[in-house]
Protein backbone atom coordinates (compact mmCIF):
# COMPACT_ATOMS: atom_id res chain seq x y z
CA MET A 1 111.29 20.61 39.24
CA THR A 2 110.56 22.76 35.30
CA GLU A 3 109.05 26.53 36.49
CA ALA A 4 105.85 27.09 34.09
CA LEU A 5 106.12 30.00 32.93
CA CYS A 6 102.91 32.96 31.01
CA THR A 7 102.58 31.91 27.73
CA ARG A 8 101.88 35.77 27.26
CA CYS A 9 104.47 37.57 29.79
CA GLY A 10 106.69 34.96 31.08
CA GLU A 11 105.74 35.56 34.04
CA ALA A 12 106.03 32.09 36.86
CA ARG A 13 102.74 30.70 37.86
CA ALA A 14 102.69 29.22 40.92
CA PRO A 15 101.23 25.21 40.56
CA GLY A 16 97.35 25.33 40.53
CA ASP A 17 97.01 28.94 39.61
CA ILE A 18 94.17 29.50 36.73
CA PHE A 19 95.20 32.70 35.39
CA CYS A 20 98.19 34.67 35.33
CA GLY A 21 98.92 37.01 38.66
CA GLN A 22 101.32 39.42 36.30
CA CYS A 23 98.75 39.87 32.72
CA GLY A 24 95.62 38.38 33.29
CA GLN A 25 96.47 35.03 31.29
CA GLU A 26 94.56 32.52 31.67
CA VAL A 27 96.84 29.28 32.24
CA GLY A 28 97.31 26.66 29.34
CA THR A 29 96.07 29.59 26.87
CA PRO A 30 98.25 29.32 23.95
CA PHE A 31 99.34 33.52 23.37
CA ILE A 32 98.66 34.80 19.71
CA ALA A 33 99.92 38.42 19.89
CA GLY A 34 96.17 40.83 18.74
CA SER A 35 93.60 38.27 19.38
CA PRO A 36 90.66 38.89 21.30
CA SER A 37 90.68 36.30 23.60
CA THR A 38 93.66 37.39 25.23
CA ARG A 39 93.35 40.40 26.37
CA PRO A 40 92.22 41.37 29.24
CA PRO A 41 88.41 40.86 29.80
CA ARG A 42 86.82 44.94 29.72
CA PRO A 43 84.32 46.08 32.10
CA ARG A 44 80.35 45.49 31.71
CA THR A 45 79.25 48.55 30.64
CA VAL A 46 75.43 48.74 32.05
CA VAL A 47 72.94 50.45 30.63
CA VAL A 48 70.03 52.07 32.10
CA PRO A 49 66.93 52.63 30.22
CA ALA A 50 65.57 56.44 30.29
CA SER A 51 62.57 55.85 31.84
CA ARG A 52 64.33 54.31 35.09
CA ARG A 53 66.87 56.90 35.26
CA GLY A 54 63.81 59.17 35.60
CA GLN A 55 62.02 56.79 38.69
CA ARG A 56 65.68 57.15 39.83
CA SER A 57 66.15 60.86 39.62
CA LEU A 58 62.06 61.49 40.75
CA TYR A 59 63.16 59.06 43.94
CA ARG A 60 65.84 60.66 45.17
CA ARG A 61 64.34 64.61 44.41
CA SER A 62 61.06 62.53 47.01
CA THR A 63 63.62 61.07 49.77
CA SER A 64 65.71 64.74 50.31
CA ALA A 65 62.00 67.02 50.14
CA TRP A 66 60.91 64.21 52.51
CA ARG A 67 64.73 64.55 55.55
CA HIS A 68 62.98 68.79 54.78
CA PHE A 69 59.88 68.24 54.85
CA LEU A 70 60.04 66.05 58.13
CA PRO A 71 61.73 68.03 60.71
CA ALA A 72 59.17 70.87 60.64
CA ILE A 73 56.62 67.75 60.84
CA GLN A 74 57.75 67.11 63.98
CA ILE A 75 58.41 70.13 65.38
CA TRP A 76 54.70 70.92 64.75
CA VAL A 77 53.60 67.38 66.58
CA ALA A 78 55.46 68.19 69.25
CA LEU A 79 53.66 71.85 70.52
CA LEU A 80 50.11 69.27 69.28
CA GLY A 81 51.56 66.85 71.69
CA ILE A 82 52.81 69.90 74.90
CA ASN A 83 49.36 71.81 74.27
CA LEU A 84 47.39 68.79 74.01
CA VAL A 85 48.62 67.51 77.49
CA TYR A 86 47.97 70.93 78.59
CA GLY A 87 45.16 71.31 77.73
CA LEU A 88 43.49 68.11 79.11
CA THR A 89 45.58 68.14 82.22
CA SER A 90 43.35 71.62 82.53
CA ARG A 91 40.07 70.40 82.41
CA PHE A 92 40.32 66.80 84.56
CA SER A 93 42.33 68.54 87.09
CA ASP A 94 41.21 70.77 90.09
CA SER A 95 44.58 72.99 89.94
CA SER A 96 44.25 75.95 88.27
CA SER A 97 47.86 77.90 89.32
CA PRO A 98 50.26 79.16 86.54
CA VAL A 99 52.67 76.56 87.84
CA ASN A 100 51.32 74.94 84.80
CA GLU A 101 51.52 77.41 82.52
CA VAL A 102 55.11 78.11 83.57
CA VAL A 103 55.96 74.04 83.14
CA VAL A 104 54.18 74.05 79.63
CA THR A 105 56.19 77.27 78.90
CA VAL A 106 59.19 75.96 79.83
CA VAL A 107 58.58 72.39 77.96
CA ALA A 108 58.54 74.19 74.84
CA ALA A 109 60.63 75.83 74.43
CA ALA A 110 62.77 73.31 75.42
CA SER A 111 61.34 71.89 72.21
CA VAL A 112 61.45 74.74 70.07
CA LEU A 113 65.35 75.37 70.93
CA GLY A 114 66.62 71.78 70.77
CA PHE A 115 64.89 71.70 67.05
CA CYS A 116 66.25 74.59 66.41
CA SER A 117 69.65 74.21 67.72
CA THR A 118 69.83 71.04 64.76
CA ASP A 119 69.60 74.48 62.38
CA VAL A 120 71.59 76.86 63.58
CA ARG A 121 72.88 77.79 60.14
CA ARG A 122 69.85 78.77 58.80
CA LEU A 123 68.65 80.32 61.51
CA ARG A 124 71.88 82.04 62.53
CA PRO A 125 71.16 85.06 59.45
CA LEU A 126 67.52 85.54 60.38
CA LEU A 127 68.79 86.88 64.21
CA ARG A 128 71.53 88.64 62.79
CA ARG A 129 69.42 91.83 61.73
CA TRP A 130 66.68 93.43 62.75
CA GLY A 131 65.32 93.62 58.91
CA ILE A 132 63.03 97.07 58.96
CA ASP A 133 64.93 99.66 56.19
CA ARG A 134 63.86 102.13 53.96
CA ARG A 135 62.87 99.27 51.28
CA THR A 136 61.25 96.69 54.45
CA TRP A 137 59.20 99.85 56.08
CA ARG A 138 55.97 100.06 54.93
CA LEU A 139 55.58 96.26 55.52
CA PRO A 140 55.06 96.75 59.28
CA VAL A 141 53.39 99.10 59.42
CA ALA A 142 50.92 98.02 57.54
CA VAL A 143 50.42 94.65 59.61
CA VAL A 144 50.70 97.18 62.72
CA VAL A 145 47.65 99.13 61.65
CA LEU A 146 44.99 96.86 59.44
CA LEU A 147 45.92 93.27 61.52
CA PRO A 148 44.14 94.77 65.51
CA VAL A 149 42.27 96.42 63.24
CA PHE A 150 40.74 93.26 61.62
CA LEU A 151 41.40 91.16 64.61
CA GLU A 152 39.14 93.42 66.57
CA LEU A 153 35.85 93.42 64.00
CA TYR A 154 36.85 89.43 63.30
CA PHE A 155 36.77 89.12 67.42
CA TRP A 156 33.93 91.31 67.75
CA ALA A 157 31.61 88.98 64.82
CA VAL A 158 32.95 85.83 66.83
CA GLY A 159 30.91 87.72 70.50
CA MET A 160 27.94 87.63 68.91
CA LEU A 161 27.26 84.58 67.54
CA VAL A 162 28.96 83.21 70.27
CA THR A 163 29.60 83.95 73.99
CA SER A 164 32.84 82.93 75.47
CA ASP A 165 35.19 85.07 77.59
CA VAL A 166 38.40 83.30 78.36
CA GLY A 167 39.64 84.59 81.57
CA TYR A 168 44.17 84.88 81.01
CA LEU A 169 44.56 86.41 84.10
CA ASP A 170 41.30 85.03 86.39
CA ASP A 171 44.26 82.46 87.56
CA TYR A 172 47.23 85.23 88.55
CA VAL A 173 45.24 87.59 90.89
CA THR A 174 43.44 84.33 92.94
CA HIS A 175 47.21 82.74 93.00
CA GLY A 176 48.40 85.92 93.93
CA TRP A 177 50.84 85.85 90.98
CA PRO A 178 52.06 89.69 90.30
CA LEU A 179 51.11 90.73 86.58
CA TRP A 180 54.30 90.83 85.21
CA THR A 181 54.89 87.10 85.35
CA ALA A 182 50.99 87.02 82.95
CA PHE A 183 52.78 88.59 80.86
CA LEU A 184 56.04 86.99 80.67
CA LEU A 185 54.06 83.72 80.22
CA ILE A 186 51.59 85.72 78.42
CA SER A 187 52.98 87.40 75.99
CA VAL A 188 57.10 87.32 75.49
CA CYS A 189 57.39 83.69 75.84
CA PRO A 190 54.85 82.68 73.60
CA ALA A 191 56.07 85.80 71.26
CA ILE A 192 59.91 85.11 70.98
CA PHE A 193 58.83 81.27 70.77
CA GLU A 194 56.25 80.73 68.31
CA GLU A 195 57.86 82.67 65.66
CA LEU A 196 61.23 80.30 65.96
CA ALA A 197 59.43 77.64 65.58
CA PHE A 198 57.02 79.21 62.90
CA ARG A 199 58.36 81.07 60.87
CA GLY A 200 62.18 80.15 61.58
CA PHE A 201 62.48 76.84 62.09
CA ILE A 202 59.38 75.09 59.78
CA MET A 203 59.66 77.76 57.00
CA ASN A 204 62.99 77.39 56.18
CA ARG A 205 62.48 73.80 56.59
CA LEU A 206 59.64 73.99 53.68
CA ARG A 207 61.30 76.98 51.33
CA PRO A 208 63.46 74.06 50.03
CA VAL A 209 60.56 71.54 48.74
CA MET A 210 58.14 74.73 48.08
CA SER A 211 57.54 77.60 46.55
CA ASP A 212 57.39 81.28 48.54
CA SER A 213 54.25 81.58 48.69
CA GLU A 214 52.90 78.00 49.16
CA THR A 215 55.79 77.86 52.58
CA ILE A 216 54.00 81.13 53.75
CA LEU A 217 50.09 79.28 53.42
CA VAL A 218 51.47 75.62 55.13
CA GLN A 219 53.22 77.17 58.00
CA ALA A 220 49.90 79.50 58.42
CA ALA A 221 48.19 76.68 58.50
CA MET A 222 49.79 74.85 61.64
CA PHE A 223 50.36 78.12 63.36
CA SER A 224 46.53 78.45 63.30
CA VAL A 225 46.01 74.28 64.06
CA LEU A 226 48.84 74.72 66.81
CA HIS A 227 46.43 76.41 69.01
CA MET A 228 43.58 73.84 69.13
CA MET A 229 40.20 75.93 69.21
CA PRO A 230 38.33 76.13 66.56
CA LEU A 231 36.98 79.88 67.19
CA ILE A 232 40.45 81.54 66.32
CA PHE A 233 41.67 79.08 62.98
CA VAL A 234 40.94 82.16 60.76
CA SER A 235 42.31 85.17 63.20
CA HIS A 236 45.32 83.08 63.92
CA PHE A 237 45.64 81.45 60.54
CA VAL A 238 45.91 85.30 59.25
CA PHE A 239 48.39 86.23 61.85
CA GLY A 240 50.79 83.20 60.02
CA LEU A 241 50.50 84.92 57.01
CA ALA A 242 50.81 87.93 58.25
CA PHE A 243 53.97 86.74 59.99
CA GLY A 244 54.97 84.50 57.02
CA LEU A 245 55.62 87.71 54.97
CA LEU A 246 57.39 89.67 57.51
CA ARG A 247 59.95 86.70 57.78
CA GLN A 248 60.29 86.28 53.75
CA ARG A 249 60.21 90.55 53.34
CA THR A 250 63.00 91.19 55.99
CA ARG A 251 64.86 87.92 56.18
CA SER A 252 64.34 88.82 59.68
CA LEU A 253 62.42 87.38 62.65
CA TYR A 254 62.41 90.59 65.38
CA PRO A 255 59.87 92.15 63.55
CA GLY A 256 57.63 89.26 63.83
CA MET A 257 58.75 88.90 67.40
CA VAL A 258 58.02 92.67 68.47
CA ILE A 259 54.15 93.08 67.02
CA HIS A 260 53.05 89.20 68.71
CA MET A 261 54.04 90.24 71.29
CA LEU A 262 52.42 94.27 71.15
CA TRP A 263 49.12 92.23 70.37
CA ASN A 264 49.33 89.43 73.11
CA ALA A 265 50.17 91.85 75.51
CA TRP A 266 46.86 94.66 74.31
CA VAL A 267 44.81 92.00 74.22
CA LEU A 268 45.89 91.36 77.81
CA VAL A 269 45.62 94.79 78.37
CA GLY A 270 42.45 94.59 77.69
CA LYS A 271 41.61 92.08 80.49
CA ILE A 272 42.87 94.40 83.26
CA THR A 273 39.87 97.35 82.42
């Protein structure tokens, strides 16, 4: 039996082969040196129109922006849900025990820490420094002086229009809980975990897709809506703006945490006296 050879490279071909396994020459096609028909086929180049390239680039940018923005929405919705459940439980339940406050604080703290654990690399620099030095000390001092003045005037104006007195300490006194537990649950824990959530996690997620001013405005709006009380939307929006500016200028979460904690404590002291 005569072995079939490739007419181009001389390589032996098995019966039934359509192309040569060595050079790709089609079986039965005579090889003519330099003939275009005998050269290996060139890979086809697909030219994408400029308009479609722009659409693909826009799609990639939109997808990347949504990947950054979605976790900020998720942590906000989670905290909103916790507050909503707590509010409904307090309204329709006869129990006024501070145990409810403990449960809500623990669940909210666990949720915030869970989200923050996925963004440790971006959060770590905000927790490594105090942020107050010769260049940045003026803003924290201004916030400490001006923010309480604004809030006192705002709540005075609200009190002139609407009679509303929130008894933060009533449940603690009724059930014989010591006052330090109220300061821990109402002053310390919210200051720490709200700053971690809004000025930490959420601002980190918004900054890659928004300008600095847009980031501060959006997180402040989210912070004010979180408390679900229309009377304090304005005050807590200003809160969010001030703490967002502090975080941006000092590149630290500690100044906001401390001032946030001091204001909450001041409100509680006012309720005692």
